[in-house]
């Protein structure tokens, strides 16, 4: 699991510290947006949803999480 070391990333322009070796799924889950997120780009490259569990974020990564909000 995590070794206690933190890395810094940017998600949607905001700096955040997360545990080293966190996956995209773990990041989105910790932000409570996993079920709302439709697309993720890391350093301007789209990461497919079926790769989120295995894609490990690195120090300095820039993450963009895009979601679609339904109107009412």
Protein backbone atom coordinates (compact mmCIF):
# COMPACT_ATOMS: atom_id res chain seq x y z
CA UNK A 1 0.00 0.00 0.00
CA UNK A 2 1.24 3.53 0.66
CA UNK A 3 4.56 4.09 2.40
CA UNK A 4 3.59 7.38 4.04
CA UNK A 5 5.51 9.55 1.56
CA UNK A 6 3.55 12.36 -0.07
CA UNK A 7 3.87 13.75 -3.57
CA UNK A 8 2.52 17.01 -4.97
CA UNK A 9 0.22 17.12 -7.94
CA UNK A 10 -2.11 19.70 -9.41
CA UNK A 11 -5.71 18.73 -9.97
CA UNK A 12 -7.84 21.15 -11.96
CA UNK A 13 -5.27 23.85 -11.20
CA UNK A 14 -5.19 23.32 -7.41
CA UNK A 15 -2.12 21.92 -5.65
CA UNK A 16 -2.75 18.81 -3.60
CA UNK A 17 -0.54 16.42 -1.66
CA UNK A 18 -1.41 12.76 -2.08
CA UNK A 19 0.25 9.51 -0.97
CA UNK A 20 3.00 8.26 -3.28
CA UNK A 21 1.83 5.50 -5.67
CA UNK A 22 -1.77 6.73 -5.63
CA UNK A 23 -3.83 5.73 -8.64
CA UNK A 24 -6.23 8.00 -10.48
CA UNK A 25 -9.13 6.01 -8.98
CA UNK A 26 -7.77 6.51 -5.45
CA UNK A 27 -7.36 10.24 -6.05
CA UNK A 28 -10.88 10.67 -7.42
CA UNK A 29 -12.31 8.53 -4.63
CA UNK A 30 -10.56 10.64 -1.97
CA UNK A 31 -12.11 13.75 -3.54
CA UNK A 32 -15.55 12.11 -3.64
CA UNK A 33 -15.80 12.65 -7.40
CA UNK A 34 -15.04 9.15 -8.71
CA UNK A 35 -18.65 8.45 -9.72
CA UNK A 36 -19.09 11.93 -11.28
CA UNK A 37 -15.87 12.03 -13.31
CA UNK A 38 -16.17 11.18 -16.98
CA UNK A 39 -12.66 11.88 -18.30
CA UNK A 40 -9.19 12.40 -16.88
CA UNK A 41 -6.11 13.88 -18.52
CA UNK A 42 -2.67 13.64 -16.93
CA UNK A 43 -0.12 16.10 -18.32
CA UNK A 44 -2.48 16.83 -21.24
CA UNK A 45 -2.87 13.15 -22.19
CA UNK A 46 -6.24 11.43 -21.81
CA UNK A 47 -6.17 8.34 -19.57
CA UNK A 48 -8.90 5.83 -20.38
CA UNK A 49 -11.29 4.97 -17.54
CA UNK A 50 -10.29 1.29 -17.57
CA UNK A 51 -6.68 2.34 -16.79
CA UNK A 52 -7.52 4.52 -13.75
CA UNK A 53 -6.98 1.71 -11.20
CA UNK A 54 -3.47 0.97 -12.48
CA UNK A 55 -2.26 4.45 -13.50
CA UNK A 56 0.08 5.65 -10.73
CA UNK A 57 0.41 9.41 -10.35
CA UNK A 58 3.88 10.94 -10.14
CA UNK A 59 5.21 13.98 -8.30
CA UNK A 60 4.44 17.10 -10.33
CA UNK A 61 1.70 15.57 -12.47
CA UNK A 62 -0.98 17.95 -13.71
CA UNK A 63 -4.38 16.23 -13.58
CA UNK A 64 -7.55 17.51 -15.19
CA UNK A 65 -10.72 15.75 -14.09
CA UNK A 66 -13.70 16.53 -16.28
CA UNK A 67 -17.26 15.82 -15.29
CA UNK A 68 -20.62 16.35 -16.83
CA UNK A 69 -23.23 17.97 -14.64
CA UNK A 70 -26.84 17.29 -15.49
CA UNK A 71 -29.27 20.21 -15.32
CA UNK A 72 -32.69 20.06 -13.75
